[in-house]
Amino acid sequence: MKSVILSSVLPLAVVVSTTAGLVEKAFAAEPDKQFFQSVEGKWVGPGEIVAGKYKGTKFTCSFTGSTPDGK
């Protein structure tokens, strides 16, 4: 079960955590910046893997995202 969680949640966590830093540096167009700042906050809820070996596996997760100070 641990590998299911890691294989489904870890990629999303990586995307969420790197998006704030990379998007602002590489693609910091004002509309993009406004969008990503508007989706900051906490997300808690169910999810389901939609492709691959674990397709159909349901999970629940909790993420908190914010822009680091000075960004």
PDB file of N, CA and C in Angstrom:
ATOM      1  N   MET A   1       0.827  -1.195   0.000  1.00  0.00           N
ATOM      2  CA  MET A   1       0.000   0.000   0.000  1.00  0.00           C
ATOM      3  C   MET A   1       0.869   1.256   0.000  1.00  0.00           C
ATOM      4  N   LYS A   2       2.028   1.170   0.705  1.00  0.00           N
ATOM      5  CA  LYS A   2       2.926   2.318   0.743  1.00  0.00           C
ATOM      6  C   LYS A   2       3.391   2.697  -0.656  1.00  0.00           C
ATOM      7  N   SER A   3       3.692   1.698  -1.484  1.00  0.00           N
ATOM      8  CA  SER A   3       4.149   1.999  -2.843  1.00  0.00           C
ATOM      9  C   SER A   3       3.031   2.610  -3.681  1.00  0.00           C
ATOM     10  N   VAL A   4       1.791   2.222  -3.410  1.00  0.00           N
ATOM     11  CA  VAL A   4       0.653   2.808  -4.129  1.00  0.00           C
ATOM     12  C   VAL A   4       0.556   4.294  -3.811  1.00  0.00           C
ATOM     13  N   ILE A   5       0.682   4.617  -2.550  1.00  0.00           N
ATOM     14  CA  ILE A   5       0.604   6.016  -2.143  1.00  0.00           C
ATOM     15  C   ILE A   5       1.757   6.806  -2.743  1.00  0.00           C
ATOM     16  N   LEU A   6       2.963   6.254  -2.640  1.00  0.00           N
ATOM     17  CA  LEU A   6       4.114   6.962  -3.190  1.00  0.00           C
ATOM     18  C   LEU A   6       4.011   7.128  -4.694  1.00  0.00           C
ATOM     19  N   SER A   7       3.560   6.089  -5.387  1.00  0.00           N
ATOM     20  CA  SER A   7       3.499   6.179  -6.847  1.00  0.00           C
ATOM     21  C   SER A   7       2.395   7.109  -7.327  1.00  0.00           C
ATOM     22  N   SER A   8       1.392   7.353  -6.506  1.00  0.00           N
ATOM     23  CA  SER A   8       0.306   8.231  -6.941  1.00  0.00           C
ATOM     24  C   SER A   8       0.422   9.642  -6.378  1.00  0.00           C
ATOM     25  N   VAL A   9       0.854   9.764  -5.160  1.00  0.00           N
ATOM     26  CA  VAL A   9       0.885  11.058  -4.502  1.00  0.00           C
ATOM     27  C   VAL A   9       2.217  11.775  -4.711  1.00  0.00           C
ATOM     28  N   LEU A  10       3.311  11.041  -4.711  1.00  0.00           N
ATOM     29  CA  LEU A  10       4.618  11.668  -4.830  1.00  0.00           C
ATOM     30  C   LEU A  10       4.782  12.477  -6.104  1.00  0.00           C
ATOM     31  N   PRO A  11       4.390  11.962  -7.273  1.00  0.00           N
ATOM     32  CA  PRO A  11       4.528  12.803  -8.475  1.00  0.00           C
ATOM     33  C   PRO A  11       3.725  14.105  -8.386  1.00  0.00           C
ATOM     34  N   LEU A  12       2.535  14.028  -7.829  1.00  0.00           N
ATOM     35  CA  LEU A  12       1.723  15.236  -7.670  1.00  0.00           C
ATOM     36  C   LEU A  12       2.381  16.201  -6.692  1.00  0.00           C
ATOM     37  N   ALA A  13       2.912  15.669  -5.607  1.00  0.00           N
ATOM     38  CA  ALA A  13       3.580  16.518  -4.624  1.00  0.00           C
ATOM     39  C   ALA A  13       4.800  17.206  -5.231  1.00  0.00           C
ATOM     40  N   VAL A  14       5.532  16.489  -6.056  1.00  0.00           N
ATOM     41  CA  VAL A  14       6.700  17.073  -6.717  1.00  0.00           C
ATOM     42  C   VAL A  14       6.272  18.194  -7.651  1.00  0.00           C
ATOM     43  N   VAL A  15       5.227  17.953  -8.413  1.00  0.00           N
ATOM     44  CA  VAL A  15       4.737  18.982  -9.332  1.00  0.00           C
ATOM     45  C   VAL A  15       4.282  20.212  -8.566  1.00  0.00           C
ATOM     46  N   VAL A  16       3.533  20.002  -7.509  1.00  0.00           N
ATOM     47  CA  VAL A  16       3.026  21.127  -6.728  1.00  0.00           C
ATOM     48  C   VAL A  16       4.171  21.910  -6.095  1.00  0.00           C
ATOM     49  N   SER A  17       5.146  21.201  -5.528  1.00  0.00           N
ATOM     50  CA  SER A  17       6.231  21.903  -4.841  1.00  0.00           C
ATOM     51  C   SER A  17       7.178  22.610  -5.795  1.00  0.00           C
ATOM     52  N   THR A  18       7.391  22.065  -6.976  1.00  0.00           N
ATOM     53  CA  THR A  18       8.314  22.709  -7.911  1.00  0.00           C
ATOM     54  C   THR A  18       7.638  23.772  -8.756  1.00  0.00           C
ATOM     55  N   THR A  19       6.343  23.687  -8.901  1.00  0.00           N
ATOM     56  CA  THR A  19       5.628  24.648  -9.739  1.00  0.00           C
ATOM     57  C   THR A  19       5.833  26.073  -9.247  1.00  0.00           C
ATOM     58  N   ALA A  20       5.712  26.284  -7.963  1.00  0.00           N
ATOM     59  CA  ALA A  20       5.836  27.642  -7.419  1.00  0.00           C
ATOM     60  C   ALA A  20       7.198  28.248  -7.736  1.00  0.00           C
ATOM     61  N   GLY A  21       8.245  27.472  -7.596  1.00  0.00           N
ATOM     62  CA  GLY A  21       9.580  27.998  -7.851  1.00  0.00           C
ATOM     63  C   GLY A  21       9.924  28.090  -9.316  1.00  0.00           C
ATOM     64  N   LEU A  22       9.658  27.046 -10.069  1.00  0.00           N
ATOM     65  CA  LEU A  22      10.051  27.016 -11.474  1.00  0.00           C
ATOM     66  C   LEU A  22       9.194  27.903 -12.355  1.00  0.00           C
ATOM     67  N   VAL A  23       7.906  27.914 -12.104  1.00  0.00           N
ATOM     68  CA  VAL A  23       7.018  28.700 -12.957  1.00  0.00           C
ATOM     69  C   VAL A  23       7.362  30.179 -12.852  1.00  0.00           C
ATOM     70  N   GLU A  24       7.591  30.639 -11.644  1.00  0.00           N
ATOM     71  CA  GLU A  24       7.880  32.062 -11.495  1.00  0.00           C
ATOM     72  C   GLU A  24       9.204  32.432 -12.154  1.00  0.00           C
ATOM     73  N   LYS A  25      10.205  31.574 -12.056  1.00  0.00           N
ATOM     74  CA  LYS A  25      11.509  31.887 -12.633  1.00  0.00           C
ATOM     75  C   LYS A  25      11.515  31.712 -14.145  1.00  0.00           C
ATOM     76  N   ALA A  26      10.960  30.607 -14.623  1.00  0.00           N
ATOM     77  CA  ALA A  26      11.072  30.281 -16.043  1.00  0.00           C
ATOM     78  C   ALA A  26       9.973  30.904 -16.896  1.00  0.00           C
ATOM     79  N   PHE A  27       8.770  30.988 -16.367  1.00  0.00           N
ATOM     80  CA  PHE A  27       7.623  31.410 -17.176  1.00  0.00           C
ATOM     81  C   PHE A  27       6.845  32.542 -16.522  1.00  0.00           C
ATOM     82  N   ALA A  28       7.486  33.402 -15.786  1.00  0.00           N
ATOM     83  CA  ALA A  28       6.806  34.333 -14.891  1.00  0.00           C
ATOM     84  C   ALA A  28       5.958  35.396 -15.584  1.00  0.00           C
ATOM     85  N   ALA A  29       5.188  35.004 -16.547  1.00  0.00           N
ATOM     86  CA  ALA A  29       4.224  35.929 -17.141  1.00  0.00           C
ATOM     87  C   ALA A  29       3.191  36.264 -16.067  1.00  0.00           C
ATOM     88  N   GLU A  30       2.753  37.487 -16.043  1.00  0.00           N
ATOM     89  CA  GLU A  30       1.833  37.938 -14.996  1.00  0.00           C
ATOM     90  C   GLU A  30       0.562  37.091 -14.886  1.00  0.00           C
ATOM     91  N   PRO A  31      -0.102  36.710 -15.978  1.00  0.00           N
ATOM     92  CA  PRO A  31      -1.303  35.870 -15.838  1.00  0.00           C
ATOM     93  C   PRO A  31      -1.004  34.522 -15.173  1.00  0.00           C
ATOM     94  N   ASP A  32       0.143  33.940 -15.494  1.00  0.00           N
ATOM     95  CA  ASP A  32       0.516  32.674 -14.860  1.00  0.00           C
ATOM     96  C   ASP A  32       0.740  32.867 -13.370  1.00  0.00           C
ATOM     97  N   LYS A  33       1.442  33.914 -13.019  1.00  0.00           N
ATOM     98  CA  LYS A  33       1.722  34.195 -11.616  1.00  0.00           C
ATOM     99  C   LYS A  33       0.420  34.388 -10.838  1.00  0.00           C
ATOM    100  N   GLN A  34      -0.501  35.140 -11.398  1.00  0.00           N
ATOM    101  CA  GLN A  34      -1.790  35.368 -10.735  1.00  0.00           C
ATOM    102  C   GLN A  34      -2.548  34.055 -10.549  1.00  0.00           C
ATOM    103  N   PHE A  35      -2.522  33.200 -11.566  1.00  0.00           N
ATOM    104  CA  PHE A  35      -3.231  31.929 -11.462  1.00  0.00           C
ATOM    105  C   PHE A  35      -2.660  31.081 -10.335  1.00  0.00           C
ATOM    106  N   PHE A  36      -1.348  30.896 -10.322  1.00  0.00           N
ATOM    107  CA  PHE A  36      -0.757  30.014  -9.323  1.00  0.00           C
ATOM    108  C   PHE A  36      -0.899  30.561  -7.913  1.00  0.00           C
ATOM    109  N   GLN A  37      -0.892  31.862  -7.753  1.00  0.00           N
ATOM    110  CA  GLN A  37      -1.132  32.429  -6.428  1.00  0.00           C
ATOM    111  C   GLN A  37      -2.584  32.234  -6.004  1.00  0.00           C
ATOM    112  N   SER A  38      -3.497  32.181  -6.955  1.00  0.00           N
ATOM    113  CA  SER A  38      -4.906  32.001  -6.611  1.00  0.00           C
ATOM    114  C   SER A  38      -5.227  30.580  -6.176  1.00  0.00           C
ATOM    115  N   VAL A  39      -4.388  29.616  -6.516  1.00  0.00           N
ATOM    116  CA  VAL A  39      -4.659  28.231  -6.124  1.00  0.00           C
ATOM    117  C   VAL A  39      -3.818  27.799  -4.929  1.00  0.00           C
ATOM    118  N   GLU A  40      -3.145  28.741  -4.285  1.00  0.00           N
ATOM    119  CA  GLU A  40      -2.410  28.423  -3.071  1.00  0.00           C
ATOM    120  C   GLU A  40      -3.392  28.058  -1.973  1.00  0.00           C
ATOM    121  N   GLY A  41      -2.916  27.286  -1.039  1.00  0.00           N
ATOM    122  CA  GLY A  41      -3.740  26.963   0.105  1.00  0.00           C
ATOM    123  C   GLY A  41      -3.709  25.491   0.417  1.00  0.00           C
ATOM    124  N   LYS A  42      -4.754  25.019   1.036  1.00  0.00           N
ATOM    125  CA  LYS A  42      -4.808  23.632   1.475  1.00  0.00           C
ATOM    126  C   LYS A  42      -5.824  22.868   0.649  1.00  0.00           C
ATOM    127  N   TRP A  43      -5.449  21.688   0.232  1.00  0.00           N
ATOM    128  CA  TRP A  43      -6.356  20.813  -0.499  1.00  0.00           C
ATOM    129  C   TRP A  43      -6.404  19.489   0.230  1.00  0.00           C
ATOM    130  N   VAL A  44      -7.589  19.049   0.576  1.00  0.00           N
ATOM    131  CA  VAL A  44      -7.794  17.766   1.230  1.00  0.00           C
ATOM    132  C   VAL A  44      -8.919  17.077   0.500  1.00  0.00           C
ATOM    133  N   GLY A  45      -8.708  15.836   0.141  1.00  0.00           N
ATOM    134  CA  GLY A  45      -9.791  15.147  -0.528  1.00  0.00           C
ATOM    135  C   GLY A  45      -9.401  13.818  -1.114  1.00  0.00           C
ATOM    136  N   PRO A  46     -10.384  13.178  -1.697  1.00  0.00           N
ATOM    137  CA  PRO A  46     -10.156  11.868  -2.287  1.00  0.00           C
ATOM    138  C   PRO A  46      -9.552  11.988  -3.680  1.00  0.00           C
ATOM    139  N   GLY A  47      -8.927  10.931  -4.104  1.00  0.00           N
ATOM    140  CA  GLY A  47      -8.388  10.874  -5.455  1.00  0.00           C
ATOM    141  C   GLY A  47      -8.465   9.452  -5.967  1.00  0.00           C
ATOM    142  N   GLU A  48      -8.229   9.301  -7.246  1.00  0.00           N
ATOM    143  CA  GLU A  48      -8.236   7.973  -7.852  1.00  0.00           C
ATOM    144  C   GLU A  48      -7.201   7.953  -8.964  1.00  0.00           C
ATOM    145  N   ILE A  49      -6.417   6.899  -8.991  1.00  0.00           N
ATOM    146  CA  ILE A  49      -5.427   6.735 -10.048  1.00  0.00           C
ATOM    147  C   ILE A  49      -6.177   6.363 -11.315  1.00  0.00           C
ATOM    148  N   VAL A  50      -5.898   7.070 -12.405  1.00  0.00           N
ATOM    149  CA  VAL A  50      -6.686   6.902 -13.623  1.00  0.00           C
ATOM    150  C   VAL A  50      -5.967   6.141 -14.729  1.00  0.00           C
ATOM    151  N   ALA A  51      -4.720   5.768 -14.520  1.00  0.00           N
ATOM    152  CA  ALA A  51      -4.003   5.035 -15.562  1.00  0.00           C
ATOM    153  C   ALA A  51      -2.913   4.180 -14.931  1.00  0.00           C
ATOM    154  N   GLY A  52      -2.476   3.207 -15.682  1.00  0.00           N
ATOM    155  CA  GLY A  52      -1.348   2.398 -15.247  1.00  0.00           C
ATOM    156  C   GLY A  52      -1.738   1.202 -14.405  1.00  0.00           C
ATOM    157  N   LYS A  53      -0.721   0.624 -13.810  1.00  0.00           N
ATOM    158  CA  LYS A  53      -0.868  -0.614 -13.044  1.00  0.00           C
ATOM    159  C   LYS A  53      -1.896  -0.490 -11.912  1.00  0.00           C
ATOM    160  N   TYR A  54      -1.961   0.663 -11.283  1.00  0.00           N
ATOM    161  CA  TYR A  54      -2.844   0.847 -10.133  1.00  0.00           C
ATOM    162  C   TYR A  54      -4.132   1.591 -10.485  1.00  0.00           C
ATOM    163  N   LYS A  55      -4.505   1.584 -11.754  1.00  0.00           N
ATOM    164  CA  LYS A  55      -5.720   2.256 -12.211  1.00  0.00           C
ATOM    165  C   LYS A  55      -6.911   1.825 -11.357  1.00  0.00           C
ATOM    166  N   GLY A  56      -7.691   2.812 -10.936  1.00  0.00           N
ATOM    167  CA  GLY A  56      -8.869   2.528 -10.121  1.00  0.00           C
ATOM    168  C   GLY A  56      -8.605   2.558  -8.626  1.00  0.00           C
ATOM    169  N   THR A  57      -7.342   2.626  -8.217  1.00  0.00           N
ATOM    170  CA  THR A  57      -7.012   2.676  -6.800  1.00  0.00           C
ATOM    171  C   THR A  57      -7.431   4.028  -6.238  1.00  0.00           C
ATOM    172  N   LYS A  58      -8.164   3.992  -5.146  1.00  0.00           N
ATOM    173  CA  LYS A  58      -8.641   5.222  -4.520  1.00  0.00           C
ATOM    174  C   LYS A  58      -7.739   5.559  -3.330  1.00  0.00           C
ATOM    175  N   PHE A  59      -7.584   6.851  -3.068  1.00  0.00           N
ATOM    176  CA  PHE A  59      -6.759   7.299  -1.958  1.00  0.00           C
ATOM    177  C   PHE A  59      -7.285   8.637  -1.452  1.00  0.00           C
ATOM    178  N   THR A  60      -6.825   9.025  -0.279  1.00  0.00           N
ATOM    179  CA  THR A  60      -7.148  10.324   0.293  1.00  0.00           C
ATOM    180  C   THR A  60      -5.833  11.006   0.630  1.00  0.00           C
ATOM    181  N   CYS A  61      -5.754  12.290   0.367  1.00  0.00           N
ATOM    182  CA  CYS A  61      -4.508  12.990   0.655  1.00  0.00           C
ATOM    183  C   CYS A  61      -4.786  14.407   1.133  1.00  0.00           C
ATOM    184  N   SER A  62      -3.736  15.012   1.669  1.00  0.00           N
ATOM    185  CA  SER A  62      -3.819  16.370   2.184  1.00  0.00           C
ATOM    186  C   SER A  62      -2.557  17.116   1.775  1.00  0.00           C
ATOM    187  N   PHE A  63      -2.720  18.254   1.094  1.00  0.00           N
ATOM    188  CA  PHE A  63      -1.588  19.059   0.661  1.00  0.00           C
ATOM    189  C   PHE A  63      -1.776  20.490   1.134  1.00  0.00           C
ATOM    190  N   THR A  64      -0.680  21.110   1.487  1.00  0.00           N
ATOM    191  CA  THR A  64      -0.685  22.527   1.809  1.00  0.00           C
ATOM    192  C   THR A  64       0.358  23.183   0.925  1.00  0.00           C
ATOM    193  N   GLY A  65      -0.038  24.209   0.195  1.00  0.00           N
ATOM    194  CA  GLY A  65       0.900  24.868  -0.706  1.00  0.00           C
ATOM    195  C   GLY A  65       0.913  26.366  -0.494  1.00  0.00           C
ATOM    196  N   SER A  66       2.096  26.936  -0.617  1.00  0.00           N
ATOM    197  CA  SER A  66       2.223  28.382  -0.491  1.00  0.00           C
ATOM    198  C   SER A  66       3.463  28.846  -1.239  1.00  0.00           C
ATOM    199  N   THR A  67       3.537  30.122  -1.485  1.00  0.00           N
ATOM    200  CA  THR A  67       4.711  30.707  -2.114  1.00  0.00           C
ATOM    201  C   THR A  67       5.708  31.061  -1.020  1.00  0.00           C
ATOM    202  N   PRO A  68       6.959  30.637  -1.165  1.00  0.00           N
ATOM    203  CA  PRO A  68       7.964  30.966  -0.148  1.00  0.00           C
ATOM    204  C   PRO A  68       8.145  32.481  -0.015  1.00  0.00           C
ATOM    205  N   ASP A  69       8.551  32.929   1.157  1.00  0.00           N
ATOM    206  CA  ASP A  69       8.812  34.354   1.377  1.00  0.00           C
ATOM    207  C   ASP A  69       9.853  34.851   0.386  1.00  0.00           C
ATOM    208  N   GLY A  70       9.675  36.051  -0.088  1.00  0.00           N
ATOM    209  CA  GLY A  70      10.630  36.648  -1.007  1.00  0.00           C
ATOM    210  C   GLY A  70      10.431  36.259  -2.454  1.00  0.00           C
ATOM    211  N   LYS A  71       9.369  35.568  -2.776  1.00  0.00           N
ATOM    212  CA  LYS A  71       9.119  35.141  -4.166  1.00  0.00           C
ATOM    213  C   LYS A  71       8.031  35.980  -4.764  1.00  0.00           C
TER     214      LYS A  71
END
